[in-house]
Amino acid sequence: MDNGARGDGKQHYTGAGILFRRDQAGGLYYEAAASAGYMKGDFHGRIGSMNARYESGTPYISAQAGLGKVYTRNRDTYDIYGKFFWSHLASDSASVVNQKGTTQYDFDSVNSYVTRLGMRWTRNFDQVRSLYAGIGWDYEFDNEARASYKAYSTPSPSMKGSSGFFEIGWKSKIDDTHPWGVDVKATGWTGKEKGATYYVGIGHKF
């Protein structure tokens, strides 16, 4: 949180979505996506001077839109893009447990609005395998999380601000002769968001 307090936990997302993308001959492309599902998570940390924990679950919806252009030079491609992300996490009530007992907290819904500018370089070894790296800048406009206990409001953490990232990955595409595809990526963050994320995706064409 903004006041230096810390909490840890896990979140699990289950949902479905749809993606639309159109590529033009000159390298220009545009895309849009939407998804919905359910998020379930747990938290443990300190509230005041006491250790506390709770579990929560609520539905979410999200959407994104993007515009970019791909420049090709020999085996390399350069993708310059801009994207907008929106997500909504519904409100929930949770029982917070500490050594003094159980207390009911009400969590407001959370909306997130993020813009992203970035560039990705890709080295294509053949029609299927490629190595890529990219840099980008995100700006979060809102995403303040509010909670209340009876007539009292808790401090509200916010992710509003700028974050930069660097990514590197390896990808194997799916085509008519290669039914399996793999995408492995690591991303490092600095700024408002700090840390690292890791991604592994496996696809199969039937």
N, C-alpha and C. Protein backbone atom coordinates (compact mmCIF):
# COMPACT_ATOMS: atom_id res chain seq x y z
N MET A 1 0.84 -1.19 0.00
CA MET A 1 0.00 0.00 0.00
C MET A 1 0.87 1.24 0.00
N ASP A 2 0.24 2.40 -0.26
CA ASP A 2 0.99 3.65 -0.37
C ASP A 2 1.65 4.06 0.95
N ASN A 3 1.11 3.60 2.09
CA ASN A 3 1.68 3.97 3.39
C ASN A 3 2.78 3.01 3.84
N GLY A 4 3.17 2.05 3.00
CA GLY A 4 4.26 1.14 3.33
C GLY A 4 3.82 -0.20 3.87
N ALA A 5 2.53 -0.39 4.17
CA ALA A 5 2.05 -1.69 4.64
C ALA A 5 2.15 -2.71 3.52
N ARG A 6 2.26 -3.98 3.90
CA ARG A 6 2.44 -5.03 2.91
C ARG A 6 1.51 -6.20 3.17
N GLY A 7 1.04 -6.81 2.09
CA GLY A 7 0.24 -8.02 2.18
C GLY A 7 0.63 -8.97 1.07
N ASP A 8 0.37 -10.25 1.27
CA ASP A 8 0.68 -11.26 0.28
C ASP A 8 -0.56 -12.12 0.02
N GLY A 9 -0.58 -12.76 -1.13
CA GLY A 9 -1.71 -13.61 -1.43
C GLY A 9 -1.61 -14.21 -2.82
N LYS A 10 -2.64 -14.93 -3.21
CA LYS A 10 -2.71 -15.57 -4.52
C LYS A 10 -4.06 -15.25 -5.17
N GLN A 11 -4.04 -15.15 -6.48
CA GLN A 11 -5.26 -14.92 -7.23
C GLN A 11 -5.37 -15.91 -8.37
N HIS A 12 -6.59 -16.39 -8.61
CA HIS A 12 -6.85 -17.36 -9.68
C HIS A 12 -7.99 -16.82 -10.54
N TYR A 13 -7.76 -16.82 -11.86
CA TYR A 13 -8.74 -16.31 -12.80
C TYR A 13 -9.26 -17.46 -13.66
N THR A 14 -10.58 -17.52 -13.82
CA THR A 14 -11.20 -18.47 -14.74
C THR A 14 -12.16 -17.69 -15.61
N GLY A 15 -11.99 -17.77 -16.92
CA GLY A 15 -12.85 -16.98 -17.79
C GLY A 15 -12.68 -17.36 -19.25
N ALA A 16 -13.29 -16.57 -20.11
CA ALA A 16 -13.23 -16.79 -21.56
C ALA A 16 -13.26 -15.44 -22.25
N GLY A 17 -12.74 -15.41 -23.48
CA GLY A 17 -12.70 -14.15 -24.21
C GLY A 17 -12.69 -14.36 -25.71
N ILE A 18 -12.73 -13.26 -26.43
CA ILE A 18 -12.69 -13.29 -27.88
C ILE A 18 -11.75 -12.18 -28.36
N LEU A 19 -10.98 -12.47 -29.42
CA LEU A 19 -10.01 -11.53 -29.97
C LEU A 19 -10.28 -11.34 -31.45
N PHE A 20 -10.28 -10.08 -31.90
CA PHE A 20 -10.40 -9.73 -33.31
C PHE A 20 -9.16 -8.95 -33.72
N ARG A 21 -8.56 -9.33 -34.86
CA ARG A 21 -7.39 -8.60 -35.37
C ARG A 21 -7.44 -8.57 -36.89
N ARG A 22 -7.07 -7.43 -37.45
CA ARG A 22 -7.04 -7.25 -38.90
C ARG A 22 -5.67 -6.70 -39.29
N ASP A 23 -4.95 -7.43 -40.16
CA ASP A 23 -3.64 -7.01 -40.66
C ASP A 23 -3.77 -6.56 -42.11
N GLN A 24 -3.22 -5.38 -42.42
CA GLN A 24 -3.25 -4.86 -43.78
C GLN A 24 -1.91 -5.08 -44.46
N ALA A 25 -1.91 -4.94 -45.78
CA ALA A 25 -0.72 -5.28 -46.57
C ALA A 25 0.48 -4.41 -46.23
N GLY A 26 0.29 -3.17 -45.86
CA GLY A 26 1.40 -2.27 -45.58
C GLY A 26 1.98 -2.42 -44.19
N GLY A 27 1.48 -3.36 -43.40
CA GLY A 27 2.00 -3.57 -42.05
C GLY A 27 1.13 -2.99 -40.95
N LEU A 28 0.16 -2.14 -41.32
CA LEU A 28 -0.74 -1.56 -40.32
C LEU A 28 -1.72 -2.63 -39.84
N TYR A 29 -2.03 -2.62 -38.55
CA TYR A 29 -3.00 -3.56 -38.01
C TYR A 29 -3.78 -2.91 -36.88
N TYR A 30 -4.95 -3.45 -36.62
CA TYR A 30 -5.75 -3.02 -35.47
C TYR A 30 -6.41 -4.24 -34.86
N GLU A 31 -6.69 -4.17 -33.57
CA GLU A 31 -7.22 -5.32 -32.86
C GLU A 31 -8.12 -4.87 -31.72
N ALA A 32 -8.97 -5.79 -31.28
CA ALA A 32 -9.85 -5.55 -30.14
C ALA A 32 -10.12 -6.88 -29.46
N ALA A 33 -10.36 -6.85 -28.16
CA ALA A 33 -10.61 -8.08 -27.41
C ALA A 33 -11.52 -7.78 -26.24
N ALA A 34 -12.24 -8.81 -25.79
CA ALA A 34 -13.09 -8.71 -24.61
C ALA A 34 -13.09 -10.05 -23.90
N SER A 35 -13.19 -10.01 -22.58
CA SER A 35 -13.22 -11.25 -21.80
C SER A 35 -14.03 -11.04 -20.53
N ALA A 36 -14.46 -12.14 -19.93
CA ALA A 36 -15.22 -12.11 -18.68
C ALA A 36 -14.96 -13.40 -17.93
N GLY A 37 -15.09 -13.34 -16.62
CA GLY A 37 -14.85 -14.54 -15.83
C GLY A 37 -15.01 -14.27 -14.34
N TYR A 38 -14.31 -15.08 -13.56
CA TYR A 38 -14.42 -15.02 -12.10
C TYR A 38 -13.03 -15.08 -11.50
N MET A 39 -12.79 -14.17 -10.53
CA MET A 39 -11.51 -14.14 -9.84
C MET A 39 -11.71 -14.56 -8.39
N LYS A 40 -10.84 -15.46 -7.92
CA LYS A 40 -10.87 -15.91 -6.54
C LYS A 40 -9.47 -15.75 -5.96
N GLY A 41 -9.38 -15.23 -4.73
CA GLY A 41 -8.07 -15.00 -4.15
C GLY A 41 -8.08 -15.06 -2.64
N ASP A 42 -6.89 -15.03 -2.07
CA ASP A 42 -6.72 -14.98 -0.63
C ASP A 42 -5.65 -13.95 -0.28
N PHE A 43 -5.68 -13.46 0.95
CA PHE A 43 -4.76 -12.42 1.41
C PHE A 43 -4.33 -12.74 2.84
N HIS A 44 -3.07 -12.46 3.13
CA HIS A 44 -2.61 -12.48 4.52
C HIS A 44 -1.57 -11.37 4.70
N GLY A 45 -1.67 -10.67 5.82
CA GLY A 45 -0.79 -9.54 6.08
C GLY A 45 -1.10 -8.95 7.44
N ARG A 46 -0.86 -7.64 7.58
CA ARG A 46 -1.10 -6.97 8.85
C ARG A 46 -2.09 -5.83 8.65
N ILE A 47 -3.10 -5.79 9.49
CA ILE A 47 -4.04 -4.68 9.54
C ILE A 47 -3.89 -4.05 10.92
N GLY A 48 -3.39 -2.83 10.98
CA GLY A 48 -3.03 -2.24 12.27
C GLY A 48 -1.82 -2.97 12.83
N SER A 49 -1.94 -3.48 14.04
CA SER A 49 -0.84 -4.22 14.68
C SER A 49 -1.09 -5.72 14.72
N MET A 50 -2.11 -6.20 13.99
CA MET A 50 -2.48 -7.61 14.07
C MET A 50 -2.37 -8.30 12.71
N ASN A 51 -1.94 -9.55 12.73
CA ASN A 51 -1.96 -10.37 11.53
C ASN A 51 -3.41 -10.69 11.16
N ALA A 52 -3.69 -10.67 9.86
CA ALA A 52 -5.07 -10.90 9.41
C ALA A 52 -5.05 -11.66 8.09
N ARG A 53 -6.18 -12.29 7.78
CA ARG A 53 -6.30 -13.02 6.52
C ARG A 53 -7.77 -13.03 6.08
N TYR A 54 -7.98 -13.15 4.77
CA TYR A 54 -9.34 -13.28 4.27
C TYR A 54 -9.30 -13.91 2.88
N GLU A 55 -10.45 -14.40 2.43
CA GLU A 55 -10.64 -14.92 1.09
C GLU A 55 -11.75 -14.15 0.40
N SER A 56 -11.63 -14.00 -0.92
CA SER A 56 -12.60 -13.22 -1.67
C SER A 56 -12.80 -13.82 -3.05
N GLY A 57 -13.98 -13.63 -3.62
CA GLY A 57 -14.26 -14.08 -4.97
C GLY A 57 -15.31 -13.20 -5.62
N THR A 58 -15.09 -12.81 -6.87
CA THR A 58 -16.02 -11.89 -7.54
C THR A 58 -15.83 -11.96 -9.06
N PRO A 59 -16.85 -11.65 -9.84
CA PRO A 59 -16.70 -11.66 -11.31
C PRO A 59 -15.96 -10.44 -11.83
N TYR A 60 -15.43 -10.56 -13.05
CA TYR A 60 -14.74 -9.45 -13.70
C TYR A 60 -15.07 -9.43 -15.18
N ILE A 61 -14.92 -8.27 -15.80
CA ILE A 61 -14.99 -8.12 -17.25
C ILE A 61 -13.85 -7.21 -17.69
N SER A 62 -13.39 -7.38 -18.92
CA SER A 62 -12.29 -6.56 -19.42
C SER A 62 -12.39 -6.41 -20.93
N ALA A 63 -11.75 -5.36 -21.44
CA ALA A 63 -11.72 -5.12 -22.88
C ALA A 63 -10.45 -4.37 -23.22
N GLN A 64 -10.02 -4.47 -24.47
CA GLN A 64 -8.84 -3.76 -24.93
C GLN A 64 -8.97 -3.43 -26.41
N ALA A 65 -8.24 -2.40 -26.84
CA ALA A 65 -8.18 -2.02 -28.25
C ALA A 65 -6.76 -1.59 -28.55
N GLY A 66 -6.29 -1.86 -29.78
CA GLY A 66 -4.92 -1.53 -30.12
C GLY A 66 -4.75 -1.18 -31.59
N LEU A 67 -3.72 -0.40 -31.86
CA LEU A 67 -3.36 -0.01 -33.22
C LEU A 67 -1.85 -0.03 -33.32
N GLY A 68 -1.34 -0.59 -34.42
CA GLY A 68 0.11 -0.66 -34.56
C GLY A 68 0.54 -0.82 -36.00
N LYS A 69 1.86 -0.81 -36.20
CA LYS A 69 2.41 -1.03 -37.55
C LYS A 69 3.68 -1.84 -37.43
N VAL A 70 3.82 -2.82 -38.33
CA VAL A 70 4.98 -3.70 -38.35
C VAL A 70 5.87 -3.34 -39.54
N TYR A 71 7.15 -3.08 -39.25
CA TYR A 71 8.14 -2.80 -40.28
C TYR A 71 9.04 -4.03 -40.41
N THR A 72 9.30 -4.44 -41.64
CA THR A 72 10.09 -5.65 -41.90
C THR A 72 11.38 -5.29 -42.60
N ARG A 73 12.50 -5.89 -42.09
CA ARG A 73 13.80 -5.70 -42.72
C ARG A 73 14.57 -7.01 -42.63
N ASN A 74 14.75 -7.68 -43.78
CA ASN A 74 15.39 -8.99 -43.82
C ASN A 74 14.67 -9.96 -42.88
N ARG A 75 15.38 -10.52 -41.91
CA ARG A 75 14.76 -11.48 -40.97
C ARG A 75 14.14 -10.82 -39.76
N ASP A 76 14.27 -9.49 -39.65
CA ASP A 76 13.80 -8.79 -38.46
C ASP A 76 12.51 -8.03 -38.74
N THR A 77 11.65 -7.98 -37.72
CA THR A 77 10.45 -7.14 -37.77
C THR A 77 10.43 -6.22 -36.55
N TYR A 78 9.85 -5.03 -36.72
CA TYR A 78 9.75 -4.04 -35.66
C TYR A 78 8.27 -3.63 -35.56
N ASP A 79 7.68 -3.93 -34.43
CA ASP A 79 6.27 -3.67 -34.20
C ASP A 79 6.13 -2.48 -33.24
N ILE A 80 5.60 -1.36 -33.73
CA ILE A 80 5.36 -0.17 -32.92
C ILE A 80 3.86 -0.05 -32.72
N TYR A 81 3.41 0.07 -31.46
CA TYR A 81 1.98 -0.06 -31.19
C TYR A 81 1.55 0.83 -30.03
N GLY A 82 0.24 1.06 -29.98
CA GLY A 82 -0.41 1.71 -28.85
C GLY A 82 -1.65 0.91 -28.48
N LYS A 83 -1.92 0.78 -27.18
CA LYS A 83 -3.05 -0.02 -26.73
C LYS A 83 -3.76 0.67 -25.57
N PHE A 84 -5.03 0.33 -25.42
CA PHE A 84 -5.82 0.80 -24.28
C PHE A 84 -6.49 -0.40 -23.63
N PHE A 85 -6.39 -0.48 -22.29
CA PHE A 85 -6.96 -1.59 -21.54
C PHE A 85 -7.97 -1.06 -20.51
N TRP A 86 -9.09 -1.73 -20.39
CA TRP A 86 -10.08 -1.42 -19.36
C TRP A 86 -10.51 -2.71 -18.69
N SER A 87 -10.65 -2.68 -17.38
CA SER A 87 -11.14 -3.85 -16.65
C SER A 87 -12.00 -3.39 -15.47
N HIS A 88 -12.95 -4.24 -15.10
CA HIS A 88 -13.86 -3.96 -14.00
C HIS A 88 -13.95 -5.20 -13.12
N LEU A 89 -13.66 -5.02 -11.84
CA LEU A 89 -13.77 -6.09 -10.84
C LEU A 89 -14.92 -5.73 -9.92
N ALA A 90 -15.90 -6.63 -9.80
CA ALA A 90 -17.12 -6.33 -9.05
C ALA A 90 -16.84 -6.24 -7.55
N SER A 91 -17.78 -5.64 -6.82
CA SER A 91 -17.65 -5.48 -5.37
C SER A 91 -17.84 -6.83 -4.67
N ASP A 92 -17.43 -6.86 -3.39
CA ASP A 92 -17.51 -8.11 -2.63
C ASP A 92 -17.48 -7.78 -1.14
N SER A 93 -17.93 -8.72 -0.32
CA SER A 93 -17.81 -8.65 1.14
C SER A 93 -17.01 -9.85 1.60
N ALA A 94 -16.11 -9.64 2.54
CA ALA A 94 -15.23 -10.71 3.00
C ALA A 94 -15.12 -10.69 4.52
N SER A 95 -14.93 -11.87 5.10
CA SER A 95 -14.73 -12.00 6.54
C SER A 95 -13.23 -11.99 6.82
N VAL A 96 -12.76 -10.94 7.49
CA VAL A 96 -11.35 -10.80 7.83
C VAL A 96 -11.12 -11.42 9.21
N VAL A 97 -10.19 -12.35 9.30
CA VAL A 97 -9.95 -13.12 10.52
C VAL A 97 -8.63 -12.69 11.15
N ASN A 98 -8.63 -12.35 12.44
CA ASN A 98 -7.40 -12.11 13.20
C ASN A 98 -7.55 -12.71 14.60
N GLN A 99 -6.59 -12.44 15.48
CA GLN A 99 -6.62 -13.10 16.79
C GLN A 99 -7.77 -12.65 17.67
N LYS A 100 -8.41 -11.54 17.31
CA LYS A 100 -9.54 -11.06 18.09
C LYS A 100 -10.89 -11.56 17.59
N GLY A 101 -10.87 -12.24 16.44
CA GLY A 101 -12.13 -12.77 15.91
C GLY A 101 -12.29 -12.48 14.43
N THR A 102 -13.54 -12.37 13.99
CA THR A 102 -13.88 -12.19 12.58
C THR A 102 -14.63 -10.88 12.39
N THR A 103 -14.23 -10.11 11.36
CA THR A 103 -14.85 -8.83 11.06
C THR A 103 -15.24 -8.79 9.59
N GLN A 104 -16.41 -8.24 9.30
CA GLN A 104 -16.88 -8.16 7.93
C GLN A 104 -16.43 -6.85 7.27
N TYR A 105 -15.74 -6.95 6.14
CA TYR A 105 -15.32 -5.79 5.36
C TYR A 105 -16.05 -5.79 4.02
N ASP A 106 -16.39 -4.62 3.54
CA ASP A 106 -17.04 -4.46 2.23
C ASP A 106 -16.05 -3.81 1.27
N PHE A 107 -15.83 -4.46 0.13
CA PHE A 107 -14.90 -3.97 -0.88
C PHE A 107 -15.68 -3.42 -2.06
N ASP A 108 -15.38 -2.17 -2.43
CA ASP A 108 -16.03 -1.57 -3.59
C ASP A 108 -15.50 -2.19 -4.89
N SER A 109 -16.24 -1.98 -5.96
CA SER A 109 -15.77 -2.41 -7.27
C SER A 109 -14.54 -1.59 -7.67
N VAL A 110 -13.72 -2.15 -8.53
CA VAL A 110 -12.48 -1.50 -8.97
C VAL A 110 -12.48 -1.40 -10.49
N ASN A 111 -12.20 -0.22 -11.01
CA ASN A 111 -12.05 -0.01 -12.45
C ASN A 111 -10.62 0.38 -12.77
N SER A 112 -10.10 -0.18 -13.85
CA SER A 112 -8.74 0.12 -14.27
C SER A 112 -8.76 0.64 -15.70
N TYR A 113 -8.00 1.74 -15.94
CA TYR A 113 -7.86 2.33 -17.27
C TYR A 113 -6.37 2.51 -17.55
N VAL A 114 -5.86 1.80 -18.53
CA VAL A 114 -4.42 1.80 -18.80
C VAL A 114 -4.16 2.06 -20.28
N THR A 115 -3.23 2.97 -20.57
CA THR A 115 -2.73 3.14 -21.93
C THR A 115 -1.31 2.59 -22.00
N ARG A 116 -0.94 2.08 -23.17
CA ARG A 116 0.40 1.50 -23.36
C ARG A 116 0.96 1.92 -24.71
N LEU A 117 2.22 2.36 -24.70
CA LEU A 117 3.00 2.60 -25.91
C LEU A 117 4.21 1.69 -25.87
N GLY A 118 4.48 1.00 -26.98
CA GLY A 118 5.59 0.06 -26.94
C GLY A 118 6.15 -0.27 -28.31
N MET A 119 7.26 -1.00 -28.28
CA MET A 119 7.91 -1.47 -29.49
C MET A 119 8.48 -2.86 -29.23
N ARG A 120 8.30 -3.77 -30.19
CA ARG A 120 8.85 -5.13 -30.07
C ARG A 120 9.67 -5.47 -31.31
N TRP A 121 10.90 -5.92 -31.07
CA TRP A 121 11.77 -6.42 -32.14
C TRP A 121 11.69 -7.94 -32.16
N THR A 122 11.61 -8.52 -33.38
CA THR A 122 11.53 -9.97 -33.53
C THR A 122 12.56 -10.43 -34.55
N ARG A 123 13.35 -11.43 -34.19
CA ARG A 123 14.28 -12.08 -35.13
C ARG A 123 13.66 -13.42 -35.53
N ASN A 124 13.30 -13.56 -36.81
CA ASN A 124 12.68 -14.77 -37.33
C ASN A 124 13.74 -15.71 -37.87
N PHE A 125 13.92 -16.85 -37.21
CA PHE A 125 14.90 -17.84 -37.67
C PHE A 125 14.39 -18.63 -38.86
N ASP A 126 13.10 -18.87 -38.92
CA ASP A 126 12.45 -19.51 -40.07
C ASP A 126 10.98 -19.11 -40.04
N GLN A 127 10.11 -19.86 -40.72
CA GLN A 127 8.70 -19.53 -40.77
C GLN A 127 7.99 -19.77 -39.44
N VAL A 128 8.62 -20.51 -38.52
CA VAL A 128 7.96 -20.92 -37.29
C VAL A 128 8.62 -20.32 -36.05
N ARG A 129 9.94 -20.45 -35.94
CA ARG A 129 10.64 -20.07 -34.70
C ARG A 129 11.13 -18.62 -34.75
N SER A 130 11.02 -17.94 -33.57
CA SER A 130 11.46 -16.55 -33.50
C SER A 130 11.85 -16.19 -32.07
N LEU A 131 12.76 -15.24 -31.96
CA LEU A 131 13.17 -14.65 -30.69
C LEU A 131 12.73 -13.19 -30.70
N TYR A 132 12.22 -12.69 -29.57
CA TYR A 132 11.75 -11.32 -29.55
C TYR A 132 12.11 -10.62 -28.25
N ALA A 133 12.16 -9.29 -28.31
CA ALA A 133 12.41 -8.45 -27.14
C ALA A 133 11.68 -7.13 -27.37
N GLY A 134 11.25 -6.51 -26.27
CA GLY A 134 10.49 -5.27 -26.41
C GLY A 134 10.59 -4.38 -25.19
N ILE A 135 10.23 -3.12 -25.39
CA ILE A 135 10.16 -2.16 -24.31
C ILE A 135 8.81 -1.44 -24.41
N GLY A 136 8.34 -0.89 -23.29
CA GLY A 136 7.07 -0.18 -23.33
C GLY A 136 6.86 0.68 -22.11
N TRP A 137 5.84 1.52 -22.20
CA TRP A 137 5.47 2.43 -21.12
C TRP A 137 3.97 2.36 -20.91
N ASP A 138 3.56 2.11 -19.66
CA ASP A 138 2.15 2.07 -19.27
C ASP A 138 1.82 3.29 -18.41
N TYR A 139 0.59 3.78 -18.56
CA TYR A 139 0.10 4.79 -17.63
C TYR A 139 -1.27 4.37 -17.12
N GLU A 140 -1.39 4.22 -15.80
CA GLU A 140 -2.64 3.85 -15.14
C GLU A 140 -3.35 5.11 -14.69
N PHE A 141 -4.62 5.29 -15.13
CA PHE A 141 -5.37 6.50 -14.82
C PHE A 141 -6.17 6.39 -13.52
N ASP A 142 -6.48 5.17 -13.07
CA ASP A 142 -7.34 5.05 -11.90
C ASP A 142 -6.92 3.84 -11.08
N ASN A 143 -7.81 2.87 -10.91
CA ASN A 143 -7.52 1.60 -10.24
C ASN A 143 -7.36 1.76 -8.73
N GLU A 144 -8.10 2.69 -8.12
CA GLU A 144 -8.06 2.83 -6.66
C GLU A 144 -8.97 1.79 -6.02
N ALA A 145 -8.48 1.10 -5.01
CA ALA A 145 -9.24 0.06 -4.32
C ALA A 145 -9.75 0.60 -3.00
N ARG A 146 -11.07 0.62 -2.82
CA ARG A 146 -11.68 1.16 -1.61
C ARG A 146 -12.36 0.05 -0.82
N ALA A 147 -12.25 0.14 0.51
CA ALA A 147 -12.91 -0.83 1.39
C ALA A 147 -13.44 -0.10 2.61
N SER A 148 -14.45 -0.71 3.28
CA SER A 148 -15.03 -0.08 4.46
C SER A 148 -15.39 -1.13 5.49
N TYR A 149 -15.38 -0.68 6.76
CA TYR A 149 -15.80 -1.50 7.90
C TYR A 149 -16.79 -0.67 8.71
N LYS A 150 -18.06 -1.11 8.69
CA LYS A 150 -19.13 -0.35 9.32
C LYS A 150 -19.13 1.06 8.73
N ALA A 151 -18.91 2.10 9.56
CA ALA A 151 -18.92 3.48 9.05
C ALA A 151 -17.52 3.99 8.74
N TYR A 152 -16.52 3.11 8.82
CA TYR A 152 -15.14 3.54 8.64
C TYR A 152 -14.61 3.10 7.27
N SER A 153 -13.77 3.94 6.69
CA SER A 153 -13.12 3.63 5.43
C SER A 153 -11.65 3.30 5.67
N THR A 154 -11.14 2.30 4.98
CA THR A 154 -9.73 1.93 5.10
C THR A 154 -8.88 2.78 4.16
N PRO A 155 -7.57 2.87 4.38
CA PRO A 155 -6.70 3.52 3.40
C PRO A 155 -6.84 2.85 2.03
N SER A 156 -6.85 3.64 0.97
CA SER A 156 -7.11 3.11 -0.38
C SER A 156 -5.85 3.10 -1.22
N PRO A 157 -5.27 1.92 -1.48
CA PRO A 157 -4.10 1.86 -2.36
C PRO A 157 -4.49 2.16 -3.80
N SER A 158 -3.57 2.70 -4.56
CA SER A 158 -3.84 3.04 -5.95
C SER A 158 -2.63 2.71 -6.80
N MET A 159 -2.86 2.25 -8.04
CA MET A 159 -1.79 1.99 -8.99
C MET A 159 -1.66 3.12 -10.01
N LYS A 160 -2.28 4.29 -9.74
CA LYS A 160 -2.21 5.40 -10.68
C LYS A 160 -0.77 5.86 -10.86
N GLY A 161 -0.35 6.02 -12.11
CA GLY A 161 1.00 6.46 -12.40
C GLY A 161 1.62 5.71 -13.56
N SER A 162 2.91 5.94 -13.77
CA SER A 162 3.64 5.38 -14.91
C SER A 162 4.46 4.16 -14.51
N SER A 163 4.56 3.22 -15.44
CA SER A 163 5.40 2.03 -15.27
C SER A 163 6.08 1.72 -16.60
N GLY A 164 7.33 1.32 -16.54
CA GLY A 164 8.06 0.89 -17.73
C GLY A 164 8.35 -0.59 -17.65
N PHE A 165 8.48 -1.24 -18.81
CA PHE A 165 8.77 -2.66 -18.81
C PHE A 165 9.72 -3.04 -19.94
N PHE A 166 10.42 -4.15 -19.72
CA PHE A 166 11.27 -4.77 -20.75
C PHE A 166 10.91 -6.24 -20.81
N GLU A 167 10.72 -6.77 -22.01
CA GLU A 167 10.33 -8.16 -22.18
C GLU A 167 11.28 -8.87 -23.13
N ILE A 168 11.43 -10.17 -22.92
CA ILE A 168 12.21 -11.01 -23.82
C ILE A 168 11.54 -12.38 -23.86
N GLY A 169 11.50 -12.98 -25.05
CA GLY A 169 10.80 -14.25 -25.17
C GLY A 169 11.18 -15.02 -26.42
N TRP A 170 10.68 -16.23 -26.49
CA TRP A 170 10.88 -17.13 -27.63
C TRP A 170 9.54 -17.74 -28.01
N LYS A 171 9.29 -17.83 -29.33
CA LYS A 171 7.98 -18.27 -29.79
C LYS A 171 8.11 -19.26 -30.94
N SER A 172 7.28 -20.28 -30.90
CA SER A 172 7.16 -21.26 -31.99
C SER A 172 5.72 -21.21 -32.48
N LYS A 173 5.51 -20.79 -33.73
CA LYS A 173 4.17 -20.58 -34.25
C LYS A 173 3.53 -21.88 -34.72
N ILE A 174 2.22 -21.86 -34.80
CA ILE A 174 1.45 -22.98 -35.35
C ILE A 174 1.17 -22.74 -36.83
N ASP A 175 1.44 -23.75 -37.67
CA ASP A 175 1.05 -23.68 -39.08
C ASP A 175 0.58 -25.06 -39.52
N ASP A 176 0.44 -25.27 -40.85
CA ASP A 176 -0.13 -26.52 -41.36
C ASP A 176 0.76 -27.73 -41.08
N THR A 177 2.07 -27.52 -40.97
CA THR A 177 2.99 -28.64 -40.72
C THR A 177 3.46 -28.72 -39.27
N HIS A 178 3.14 -27.73 -38.46
CA HIS A 178 3.53 -27.71 -37.05
C HIS A 178 2.28 -27.45 -36.20
N PRO A 179 1.61 -28.50 -35.74
CA PRO A 179 0.35 -28.32 -35.01
C PRO A 179 0.51 -27.78 -33.60
N TRP A 180 1.72 -27.83 -33.06
CA TRP A 180 1.96 -27.35 -31.70
C TRP A 180 2.72 -26.02 -31.72
N GLY A 181 2.36 -25.14 -30.79
CA GLY A 181 3.05 -23.86 -30.67
C GLY A 181 3.36 -23.55 -29.22
N VAL A 182 4.47 -22.84 -28.99
CA VAL A 182 4.90 -22.50 -27.63
C VAL A 182 5.31 -21.02 -27.60
N ASP A 183 4.96 -20.33 -26.52
CA ASP A 183 5.36 -18.94 -26.30
C ASP A 183 5.86 -18.82 -24.86
N VAL A 184 7.15 -18.49 -24.69
CA VAL A 184 7.75 -18.35 -23.36
C VAL A 184 8.28 -16.93 -23.23
N LYS A 185 7.88 -16.22 -22.16
CA LYS A 185 8.23 -14.80 -22.04
C LYS A 185 8.48 -14.42 -20.59
N ALA A 186 9.46 -13.53 -20.36
CA ALA A 186 9.72 -12.93 -19.05
C ALA A 186 9.70 -11.41 -19.21
N THR A 187 9.09 -10.72 -18.24
CA THR A 187 8.95 -9.27 -18.29
C THR A 187 9.37 -8.66 -16.96
N GLY A 188 10.21 -7.62 -17.02
CA GLY A 188 10.61 -6.89 -15.82
C GLY A 188 9.96 -5.52 -15.81
N TRP A 189 9.51 -5.08 -14.61
CA TRP A 189 8.77 -3.83 -14.46
C TRP A 189 9.50 -2.87 -13.53
N THR A 190 9.39 -1.57 -13.81
CA THR A 190 9.91 -0.54 -12.93
C THR A 190 8.97 0.66 -12.96
N GLY A 191 9.00 1.47 -11.90
CA GLY A 191 8.08 2.59 -11.79
C GLY A 191 7.03 2.30 -10.75
N LYS A 192 5.77 2.62 -11.06
CA LYS A 192 4.67 2.35 -10.13
C LYS A 192 4.54 0.85 -9.88
N GLU A 193 4.66 0.07 -10.95
CA GLU A 193 4.70 -1.39 -10.81
C GLU A 193 6.16 -1.83 -10.79
N LYS A 194 6.50 -2.67 -9.84
CA LYS A 194 7.86 -3.18 -9.73
C LYS A 194 7.82 -4.69 -9.62
N GLY A 195 8.83 -5.34 -10.21
CA GLY A 195 8.91 -6.80 -10.11
C GLY A 195 9.05 -7.45 -11.46
N ALA A 196 8.64 -8.71 -11.54
CA ALA A 196 8.79 -9.49 -12.77
C ALA A 196 7.59 -10.39 -12.96
N THR A 197 7.24 -10.63 -14.22
CA THR A 197 6.18 -11.57 -14.55
C THR A 197 6.73 -12.59 -15.55
N TYR A 198 6.18 -13.79 -15.51
CA TYR A 198 6.61 -14.88 -16.37
C TYR A 198 5.38 -15.49 -17.04
N TYR A 199 5.55 -15.85 -18.32
CA TYR A 199 4.42 -16.37 -19.07
C TYR A 199 4.87 -17.56 -19.93
N VAL A 200 4.07 -18.64 -19.90
CA VAL A 200 4.29 -19.80 -20.76
C VAL A 200 2.94 -20.16 -21.39
N GLY A 201 2.89 -20.16 -22.71
CA GLY A 201 1.67 -20.53 -23.42
C GLY A 201 1.93 -21.67 -24.38
N ILE A 202 1.02 -22.64 -24.42
CA ILE A 202 1.11 -23.80 -25.31
C ILE A 202 -0.19 -23.90 -26.11
N GLY A 203 -0.06 -23.98 -27.43
CA GLY A 203 -1.24 -24.09 -28.27
C GLY A 203 -1.17 -25.30 -29.18
N HIS A 204 -2.33 -25.77 -29.61
CA HIS A 204 -2.42 -26.93 -30.51
C HIS A 204 -3.52 -26.71 -31.53
N LYS A 205 -3.23 -27.01 -32.78
CA LYS A 205 -4.19 -26.89 -33.86
C LYS A 205 -4.78 -28.25 -34.18
N PHE A 206 -6.10 -28.36 -34.14
CA PHE A 206 -6.76 -29.63 -34.42
C PHE A 206 -7.20 -29.69 -35.88
